[in-house]
């Protein structure tokens, strides 16, 4: 009887010690391999764009800097913030806001900065943010802005 009780105690202790390790493990999602130089460059561009967006209201500069970042580093770790700033800058420019005006000397620039094109771009950027980054802290504001844009149409 004592032998069976001893076996049961050790079995329970073994389950407790080794069994909990299974529950304590968290699911590891595959990490994207990022080039440290591209990541550093993209972080710098994002910092400059944030300053231009918040302080200078230079939305044209934000668009050019972040479109370049998006093209050069599509796996950037803060792509949700890039999409948010692109969407908001496009939206504000479509409403004629901002201190920086686009240089509209060429037909290409006129087409790129046409209010309807900028609104469509804003919808595209903000929709991509919502779809690809559902846990982003920028998602609620992006949804609110999308609703505003669609209500204006």
N, C-alpha and C. Protein backbone atom coordinates (compact mmCIF):
# COMPACT_ATOMS: atom_id res chain seq x y z
N UNK A 1 0.81 -1.18 0.00
CA UNK A 1 0.00 0.00 0.00
C UNK A 1 0.87 1.26 0.00
N UNK A 2 1.92 1.23 0.87
CA UNK A 2 2.82 2.38 0.92
C UNK A 2 3.54 2.55 -0.40
N UNK A 3 3.85 1.44 -1.04
CA UNK A 3 4.55 1.49 -2.33
C UNK A 3 3.67 2.15 -3.38
N UNK A 4 2.39 1.81 -3.45
CA UNK A 4 1.46 2.42 -4.40
C UNK A 4 1.28 3.91 -4.12
N UNK A 5 1.20 4.27 -2.85
CA UNK A 5 1.06 5.68 -2.47
C UNK A 5 2.30 6.47 -2.87
N UNK A 6 3.46 5.88 -2.66
CA UNK A 6 4.72 6.51 -3.02
C UNK A 6 4.81 6.72 -4.54
N UNK A 7 4.39 5.73 -5.30
CA UNK A 7 4.40 5.84 -6.76
C UNK A 7 3.43 6.93 -7.21
N UNK A 8 2.27 6.99 -6.60
CA UNK A 8 1.27 8.01 -6.95
C UNK A 8 1.80 9.41 -6.64
N UNK A 9 2.46 9.59 -5.52
CA UNK A 9 3.01 10.90 -5.15
C UNK A 9 4.08 11.33 -6.15
N UNK A 10 4.98 10.42 -6.50
CA UNK A 10 6.02 10.75 -7.48
C UNK A 10 5.42 11.03 -8.86
N UNK A 11 4.42 10.28 -9.24
CA UNK A 11 3.77 10.50 -10.53
C UNK A 11 3.11 11.88 -10.56
N UNK A 12 2.41 12.22 -9.49
CA UNK A 12 1.76 13.53 -9.40
C UNK A 12 2.80 14.65 -9.41
N UNK A 13 3.88 14.47 -8.65
CA UNK A 13 4.95 15.47 -8.61
C UNK A 13 5.59 15.63 -9.99
N UNK A 14 5.79 14.53 -10.68
CA UNK A 14 6.36 14.59 -12.03
C UNK A 14 5.45 15.34 -12.99
N UNK A 15 4.15 15.07 -12.91
CA UNK A 15 3.19 15.80 -13.76
C UNK A 15 3.19 17.28 -13.42
N UNK A 16 3.26 17.57 -12.14
CA UNK A 16 3.24 18.97 -11.72
C UNK A 16 4.48 19.72 -12.21
N UNK A 17 5.64 19.11 -12.04
CA UNK A 17 6.89 19.76 -12.42
C UNK A 17 7.03 19.83 -13.94
N UNK A 18 6.83 18.73 -14.62
CA UNK A 18 7.05 18.70 -16.06
C UNK A 18 5.82 19.11 -16.85
N UNK A 19 4.66 18.90 -16.30
CA UNK A 19 3.42 19.25 -16.99
C UNK A 19 3.22 20.74 -17.10
N UNK A 20 3.61 21.49 -16.06
CA UNK A 20 3.43 22.93 -16.09
C UNK A 20 4.31 23.61 -17.12
N UNK A 21 5.44 23.00 -17.43
CA UNK A 21 6.33 23.62 -18.40
C UNK A 21 5.66 23.69 -19.77
N UNK A 22 4.78 22.76 -20.06
CA UNK A 22 4.05 22.79 -21.33
C UNK A 22 3.10 23.97 -21.35
N UNK A 23 2.44 24.22 -20.23
CA UNK A 23 1.49 25.32 -20.17
C UNK A 23 2.19 26.67 -20.10
N UNK A 24 3.39 26.70 -19.59
CA UNK A 24 4.10 27.96 -19.44
C UNK A 24 4.73 28.43 -20.75
N UNK A 25 4.86 27.54 -21.71
CA UNK A 25 5.46 27.93 -22.97
C UNK A 25 4.48 28.77 -23.76
N UNK A 26 4.98 29.80 -24.39
CA UNK A 26 4.11 30.59 -25.25
C UNK A 26 4.40 30.27 -26.70
N UNK A 27 3.42 30.46 -27.52
CA UNK A 27 3.57 30.20 -28.93
C UNK A 27 4.48 31.26 -29.54
N UNK A 28 5.49 30.82 -30.20
CA UNK A 28 6.44 31.74 -30.82
C UNK A 28 6.08 31.88 -32.29
N UNK A 29 5.86 33.13 -32.68
CA UNK A 29 5.55 33.39 -34.08
C UNK A 29 6.85 33.61 -34.83
N UNK A 30 6.89 33.21 -36.08
CA UNK A 30 8.12 33.38 -36.84
C UNK A 30 8.48 34.87 -36.97
N UNK A 31 9.72 35.15 -36.78
CA UNK A 31 10.20 36.53 -36.86
C UNK A 31 10.66 36.84 -38.29
N UNK A 32 10.37 38.05 -38.70
CA UNK A 32 10.83 38.51 -40.00
C UNK A 32 12.30 38.88 -39.85
N UNK A 33 13.12 38.38 -40.74
CA UNK A 33 14.54 38.74 -40.72
C UNK A 33 14.69 40.12 -41.34
N UNK A 34 15.15 41.07 -40.54
CA UNK A 34 15.27 42.45 -40.99
C UNK A 34 16.74 42.84 -41.10
N UNK A 35 17.05 43.55 -42.14
CA UNK A 35 18.39 44.08 -42.34
C UNK A 35 18.58 45.24 -41.36
N UNK A 36 19.57 45.18 -40.49
CA UNK A 36 19.75 46.23 -39.48
C UNK A 36 20.01 47.62 -40.09
N UNK A 37 20.69 47.66 -41.23
CA UNK A 37 20.95 48.97 -41.85
C UNK A 37 19.67 49.57 -42.43
N UNK A 38 18.86 48.73 -43.09
CA UNK A 38 17.59 49.22 -43.63
C UNK A 38 16.66 49.64 -42.49
N UNK A 39 16.67 48.87 -41.43
CA UNK A 39 15.82 49.17 -40.28
C UNK A 39 16.22 50.51 -39.65
N UNK A 40 17.52 50.73 -39.50
CA UNK A 40 18.00 51.98 -38.92
C UNK A 40 17.66 53.17 -39.81
N UNK A 41 17.82 53.00 -41.11
CA UNK A 41 17.49 54.06 -42.06
C UNK A 41 16.00 54.36 -42.02
N UNK A 42 15.19 53.33 -41.97
CA UNK A 42 13.74 53.51 -41.93
C UNK A 42 13.31 54.19 -40.62
N UNK A 43 13.94 53.83 -39.51
CA UNK A 43 13.63 54.48 -38.23
C UNK A 43 13.97 55.97 -38.28
N UNK A 44 15.11 56.29 -38.90
CA UNK A 44 15.49 57.69 -39.05
C UNK A 44 14.46 58.44 -39.90
N UNK A 45 14.09 57.84 -41.03
CA UNK A 45 13.08 58.47 -41.89
C UNK A 45 11.76 58.65 -41.17
N UNK A 46 11.37 57.67 -40.39
CA UNK A 46 10.12 57.77 -39.64
C UNK A 46 10.19 58.89 -38.60
N UNK A 47 11.31 59.00 -37.91
CA UNK A 47 11.47 60.08 -36.92
C UNK A 47 11.38 61.46 -37.57
N UNK A 48 12.05 61.61 -38.70
CA UNK A 48 12.01 62.90 -39.41
C UNK A 48 10.59 63.18 -39.90
N UNK A 49 9.93 62.15 -40.42
CA UNK A 49 8.56 62.32 -40.92
C UNK A 49 7.59 62.68 -39.78
N UNK A 50 7.79 62.07 -38.62
CA UNK A 50 6.92 62.41 -37.47
C UNK A 50 7.09 63.87 -37.07
N UNK A 51 8.33 64.33 -37.08
CA UNK A 51 8.57 65.74 -36.75
C UNK A 51 7.93 66.65 -37.80
N UNK A 52 8.07 66.29 -39.06
CA UNK A 52 7.47 67.08 -40.13
C UNK A 52 5.95 67.08 -40.03
N UNK A 53 5.40 65.96 -39.65
CA UNK A 53 3.94 65.82 -39.53
C UNK A 53 3.41 66.63 -38.36
N UNK A 54 4.01 66.46 -37.20
CA UNK A 54 3.49 67.08 -35.97
C UNK A 54 3.83 68.56 -35.86
N UNK A 55 5.08 68.89 -36.08
CA UNK A 55 5.53 70.25 -35.81
C UNK A 55 5.41 71.19 -37.01
N UNK A 56 5.80 70.70 -38.16
CA UNK A 56 5.86 71.58 -39.34
C UNK A 56 4.62 71.53 -40.21
N UNK A 57 3.80 70.51 -40.02
CA UNK A 57 2.62 70.30 -40.88
C UNK A 57 3.05 70.25 -42.35
N UNK A 58 4.22 69.64 -42.60
CA UNK A 58 4.81 69.53 -43.94
C UNK A 58 4.42 68.18 -44.53
N UNK A 59 3.16 68.05 -44.92
CA UNK A 59 2.61 66.77 -45.34
C UNK A 59 3.18 66.27 -46.67
N UNK A 60 3.58 67.18 -47.54
CA UNK A 60 4.21 66.78 -48.80
C UNK A 60 5.54 66.08 -48.51
N UNK A 61 6.31 66.63 -47.60
CA UNK A 61 7.59 66.02 -47.22
C UNK A 61 7.39 64.67 -46.55
N UNK A 62 6.35 64.56 -45.74
CA UNK A 62 6.04 63.29 -45.08
C UNK A 62 5.75 62.22 -46.14
N UNK A 63 4.93 62.58 -47.12
CA UNK A 63 4.59 61.63 -48.19
C UNK A 63 5.82 61.17 -48.94
N UNK A 64 6.66 62.10 -49.36
CA UNK A 64 7.82 61.70 -50.17
C UNK A 64 8.79 60.84 -49.35
N UNK A 65 9.02 61.20 -48.10
CA UNK A 65 9.97 60.45 -47.27
C UNK A 65 9.45 59.05 -46.96
N UNK A 66 8.17 58.94 -46.62
CA UNK A 66 7.64 57.64 -46.20
C UNK A 66 7.29 56.74 -47.38
N UNK A 67 6.95 57.31 -48.52
CA UNK A 67 6.76 56.47 -49.71
C UNK A 67 8.08 55.82 -50.10
N UNK A 68 9.15 56.56 -49.97
CA UNK A 68 10.48 56.01 -50.25
C UNK A 68 10.82 54.90 -49.25
N UNK A 69 10.52 55.13 -47.98
CA UNK A 69 10.77 54.13 -46.93
C UNK A 69 9.97 52.86 -47.20
N UNK A 70 8.72 53.02 -47.58
CA UNK A 70 7.86 51.88 -47.87
C UNK A 70 8.40 51.05 -49.03
N UNK A 71 8.89 51.72 -50.04
CA UNK A 71 9.42 51.03 -51.21
C UNK A 71 10.74 50.32 -50.89
N UNK A 72 11.58 50.96 -50.09
CA UNK A 72 12.89 50.40 -49.79
C UNK A 72 12.86 49.30 -48.74
N UNK A 73 11.89 49.37 -47.82
CA UNK A 73 11.87 48.43 -46.71
C UNK A 73 10.42 48.03 -46.38
N UNK A 74 9.81 47.19 -47.20
CA UNK A 74 8.40 46.82 -46.97
C UNK A 74 8.18 46.00 -45.70
N UNK A 75 9.24 45.44 -45.11
CA UNK A 75 9.12 44.66 -43.88
C UNK A 75 9.51 45.47 -42.64
N UNK A 76 9.49 46.78 -42.75
CA UNK A 76 9.87 47.65 -41.65
C UNK A 76 9.02 47.34 -40.41
N UNK A 77 9.65 47.33 -39.25
CA UNK A 77 8.98 46.93 -38.02
C UNK A 77 7.86 47.89 -37.59
N UNK A 78 7.89 49.12 -38.07
CA UNK A 78 6.87 50.09 -37.70
C UNK A 78 6.05 50.52 -38.91
N UNK A 79 5.75 49.55 -39.76
CA UNK A 79 5.01 49.87 -40.98
C UNK A 79 3.60 50.38 -40.68
N UNK A 80 3.01 49.97 -39.56
CA UNK A 80 1.69 50.48 -39.22
C UNK A 80 1.72 51.99 -39.01
N UNK A 81 2.76 52.48 -38.38
CA UNK A 81 2.88 53.92 -38.17
C UNK A 81 3.16 54.65 -39.49
N UNK A 82 3.94 54.03 -40.35
CA UNK A 82 4.22 54.60 -41.67
C UNK A 82 2.91 54.74 -42.44
N UNK A 83 2.10 53.68 -42.46
CA UNK A 83 0.81 53.73 -43.17
C UNK A 83 -0.12 54.78 -42.58
N UNK A 84 -0.10 54.89 -41.27
CA UNK A 84 -0.94 55.90 -40.61
C UNK A 84 -0.53 57.31 -41.03
N UNK A 85 0.77 57.60 -40.96
CA UNK A 85 1.23 58.94 -41.34
C UNK A 85 1.00 59.23 -42.82
N UNK A 86 1.17 58.23 -43.66
CA UNK A 86 0.88 58.40 -45.10
C UNK A 86 -0.60 58.70 -45.31
N UNK A 87 -1.44 57.94 -44.65
CA UNK A 87 -2.88 58.14 -44.80
C UNK A 87 -3.34 59.50 -44.29
N UNK A 88 -2.87 59.88 -43.13
CA UNK A 88 -3.29 61.16 -42.55
C UNK A 88 -2.73 62.34 -43.35
N UNK A 89 -1.49 62.22 -43.81
CA UNK A 89 -0.91 63.29 -44.62
C UNK A 89 -1.68 63.46 -45.93
N UNK A 90 -2.02 62.34 -46.55
CA UNK A 90 -2.81 62.39 -47.79
C UNK A 90 -4.17 63.03 -47.54
N UNK A 91 -4.79 62.65 -46.44
CA UNK A 91 -6.11 63.19 -46.10
C UNK A 91 -6.03 64.69 -45.85
N UNK A 92 -5.06 65.11 -45.05
CA UNK A 92 -4.94 66.54 -44.76
C UNK A 92 -4.63 67.35 -46.01
N UNK A 93 -3.76 66.83 -46.87
CA UNK A 93 -3.46 67.54 -48.13
C UNK A 93 -4.69 67.63 -49.02
N UNK A 94 -5.50 66.59 -49.02
CA UNK A 94 -6.72 66.61 -49.86
C UNK A 94 -7.68 67.71 -49.41
N UNK A 95 -7.61 68.07 -48.13
CA UNK A 95 -8.45 69.14 -47.59
C UNK A 95 -7.76 70.50 -47.63
N UNK A 96 -6.56 70.56 -48.23
CA UNK A 96 -5.83 71.82 -48.35
C UNK A 96 -5.17 72.25 -47.06
N UNK A 97 -5.00 71.33 -46.11
CA UNK A 97 -4.36 71.67 -44.84
C UNK A 97 -2.85 71.54 -44.97
N UNK A 98 -2.15 72.12 -44.01
CA UNK A 98 -0.70 72.02 -43.97
C UNK A 98 -0.05 73.32 -44.38
N UNK A 99 1.19 73.47 -43.94
CA UNK A 99 1.95 74.69 -44.22
C UNK A 99 2.78 74.56 -45.49
N UNK A 100 2.97 73.35 -45.96
CA UNK A 100 3.80 73.11 -47.14
C UNK A 100 2.89 72.82 -48.33
N UNK A 101 3.11 73.50 -49.40
CA UNK A 101 2.30 73.29 -50.60
C UNK A 101 3.09 72.47 -51.61
N UNK A 102 2.39 71.66 -52.35
CA UNK A 102 3.03 70.83 -53.37
C UNK A 102 3.43 71.70 -54.56
N UNK A 103 4.55 71.36 -55.15
CA UNK A 103 5.03 72.05 -56.35
C UNK A 103 4.28 71.44 -57.54
N UNK A 104 3.34 72.19 -58.10
CA UNK A 104 2.46 71.66 -59.14
C UNK A 104 2.86 72.13 -60.54
N UNK A 105 4.15 72.19 -60.81
CA UNK A 105 4.62 72.67 -62.11
C UNK A 105 4.47 71.62 -63.21
N UNK A 106 4.51 70.36 -62.85
CA UNK A 106 4.42 69.30 -63.87
C UNK A 106 3.04 68.65 -63.82
N UNK A 107 2.67 68.03 -64.93
CA UNK A 107 1.39 67.32 -64.98
C UNK A 107 1.38 66.13 -64.01
N UNK A 108 2.54 65.51 -63.86
CA UNK A 108 2.66 64.37 -62.94
C UNK A 108 2.37 64.80 -61.50
N UNK A 109 2.92 65.96 -61.10
CA UNK A 109 2.70 66.47 -59.75
C UNK A 109 1.23 66.88 -59.57
N UNK A 110 0.67 67.49 -60.61
CA UNK A 110 -0.75 67.88 -60.53
C UNK A 110 -1.65 66.66 -60.33
N UNK A 111 -1.33 65.59 -61.03
CA UNK A 111 -2.12 64.37 -60.89
C UNK A 111 -1.92 63.73 -59.52
N UNK A 112 -0.68 63.71 -59.04
CA UNK A 112 -0.36 63.08 -57.75
C UNK A 112 -1.01 63.81 -56.58
N UNK A 113 -1.07 65.13 -56.65
CA UNK A 113 -1.59 65.92 -55.53
C UNK A 113 -3.00 66.45 -55.77
N UNK A 114 -3.70 65.88 -56.71
CA UNK A 114 -5.12 66.24 -56.92
C UNK A 114 -5.91 65.77 -55.69
N UNK A 115 -6.83 66.59 -55.20
CA UNK A 115 -7.56 66.24 -53.97
C UNK A 115 -8.25 64.86 -54.02
N UNK A 116 -8.85 64.52 -55.13
CA UNK A 116 -9.53 63.23 -55.23
C UNK A 116 -8.52 62.07 -55.16
N UNK A 117 -7.37 62.23 -55.80
CA UNK A 117 -6.31 61.21 -55.78
C UNK A 117 -5.77 61.07 -54.35
N UNK A 118 -5.57 62.20 -53.67
CA UNK A 118 -5.07 62.15 -52.29
C UNK A 118 -6.07 61.47 -51.36
N UNK A 119 -7.36 61.72 -51.55
CA UNK A 119 -8.38 61.04 -50.73
C UNK A 119 -8.36 59.54 -50.99
N UNK A 120 -8.23 59.16 -52.26
CA UNK A 120 -8.15 57.73 -52.59
C UNK A 120 -6.89 57.09 -51.97
N UNK A 121 -5.79 57.82 -52.01
CA UNK A 121 -4.55 57.33 -51.40
C UNK A 121 -4.74 57.16 -49.89
N UNK A 122 -5.38 58.14 -49.26
CA UNK A 122 -5.62 58.07 -47.81
C UNK A 122 -6.47 56.85 -47.47
N UNK A 123 -7.50 56.60 -48.26
CA UNK A 123 -8.34 55.42 -48.04
C UNK A 123 -7.51 54.15 -48.18
N UNK A 124 -6.66 54.10 -49.19
CA UNK A 124 -5.82 52.93 -49.41
C UNK A 124 -4.85 52.68 -48.26
N UNK A 125 -4.16 53.73 -47.84
CA UNK A 125 -3.18 53.57 -46.75
C UNK A 125 -3.87 53.17 -45.44
N UNK A 126 -4.95 53.85 -45.11
CA UNK A 126 -5.62 53.57 -43.83
C UNK A 126 -6.31 52.21 -43.84
N UNK A 127 -6.86 51.83 -44.99
CA UNK A 127 -7.47 50.50 -45.08
C UNK A 127 -6.43 49.40 -44.95
N UNK A 128 -5.28 49.60 -45.55
CA UNK A 128 -4.18 48.62 -45.43
C UNK A 128 -3.73 48.50 -43.98
N UNK A 129 -3.64 49.62 -43.30
CA UNK A 129 -3.27 49.62 -41.89
C UNK A 129 -4.26 48.78 -41.08
N UNK A 130 -5.53 48.99 -41.29
CA UNK A 130 -6.56 48.27 -40.54
C UNK A 130 -6.54 46.78 -40.85
N UNK A 131 -6.36 46.44 -42.11
CA UNK A 131 -6.37 45.02 -42.51
C UNK A 131 -5.11 44.27 -42.06
N UNK A 132 -3.94 44.87 -42.28
CA UNK A 132 -2.69 44.16 -42.01
C UNK A 132 -2.24 44.25 -40.56
N UNK A 133 -2.69 45.27 -39.84
CA UNK A 133 -2.24 45.49 -38.47
C UNK A 133 -3.44 45.70 -37.55
N UNK A 134 -4.24 44.66 -37.34
CA UNK A 134 -5.47 44.82 -36.54
C UNK A 134 -5.21 45.17 -35.07
N UNK A 135 -4.02 44.93 -34.57
CA UNK A 135 -3.71 45.25 -33.17
C UNK A 135 -2.94 46.56 -33.02
N UNK A 136 -2.82 47.32 -34.09
CA UNK A 136 -2.07 48.56 -34.06
C UNK A 136 -2.76 49.61 -33.19
N UNK A 137 -1.96 50.40 -32.50
CA UNK A 137 -2.53 51.49 -31.70
C UNK A 137 -3.10 52.60 -32.59
N UNK A 138 -2.77 52.58 -33.88
CA UNK A 138 -3.26 53.60 -34.81
C UNK A 138 -4.60 53.20 -35.45
N UNK A 139 -5.03 51.98 -35.24
CA UNK A 139 -6.25 51.47 -35.88
C UNK A 139 -7.50 52.29 -35.54
N UNK A 140 -7.77 52.62 -34.27
CA UNK A 140 -8.99 53.38 -33.98
C UNK A 140 -9.05 54.73 -34.69
N UNK A 141 -7.93 55.44 -34.71
CA UNK A 141 -7.91 56.74 -35.38
C UNK A 141 -8.04 56.57 -36.90
N UNK A 142 -7.45 55.51 -37.42
CA UNK A 142 -7.56 55.24 -38.86
C UNK A 142 -9.02 54.94 -39.23
N UNK A 143 -9.70 54.16 -38.40
CA UNK A 143 -11.12 53.86 -38.67
C UNK A 143 -11.97 55.13 -38.62
N UNK A 144 -11.69 55.98 -37.65
CA UNK A 144 -12.43 57.24 -37.52
C UNK A 144 -12.22 58.12 -38.75
N UNK A 145 -10.96 58.22 -39.19
CA UNK A 145 -10.65 59.05 -40.36
C UNK A 145 -11.27 58.48 -41.63
N UNK A 146 -11.24 57.16 -41.78
CA UNK A 146 -11.89 56.53 -42.95
C UNK A 146 -13.37 56.85 -42.98
N UNK A 147 -14.00 56.82 -41.83
CA UNK A 147 -15.43 57.15 -41.77
C UNK A 147 -15.65 58.60 -42.20
N UNK A 148 -14.80 59.51 -41.73
CA UNK A 148 -14.91 60.92 -42.12
C UNK A 148 -14.78 61.09 -43.63
N UNK A 149 -13.80 60.42 -44.20
CA UNK A 149 -13.55 60.53 -45.65
C UNK A 149 -14.77 60.02 -46.42
N UNK A 150 -15.29 58.88 -46.01
CA UNK A 150 -16.42 58.28 -46.72
C UNK A 150 -17.70 59.10 -46.53
N UNK A 151 -17.85 59.75 -45.37
CA UNK A 151 -19.01 60.62 -45.14
C UNK A 151 -18.96 61.87 -46.02
N UNK A 152 -17.75 62.34 -46.34
CA UNK A 152 -17.60 63.52 -47.18
C UNK A 152 -17.92 63.24 -48.65
N UNK A 153 -17.76 61.96 -49.05
CA UNK A 153 -17.99 61.61 -50.47
C UNK A 153 -19.43 61.63 -50.79
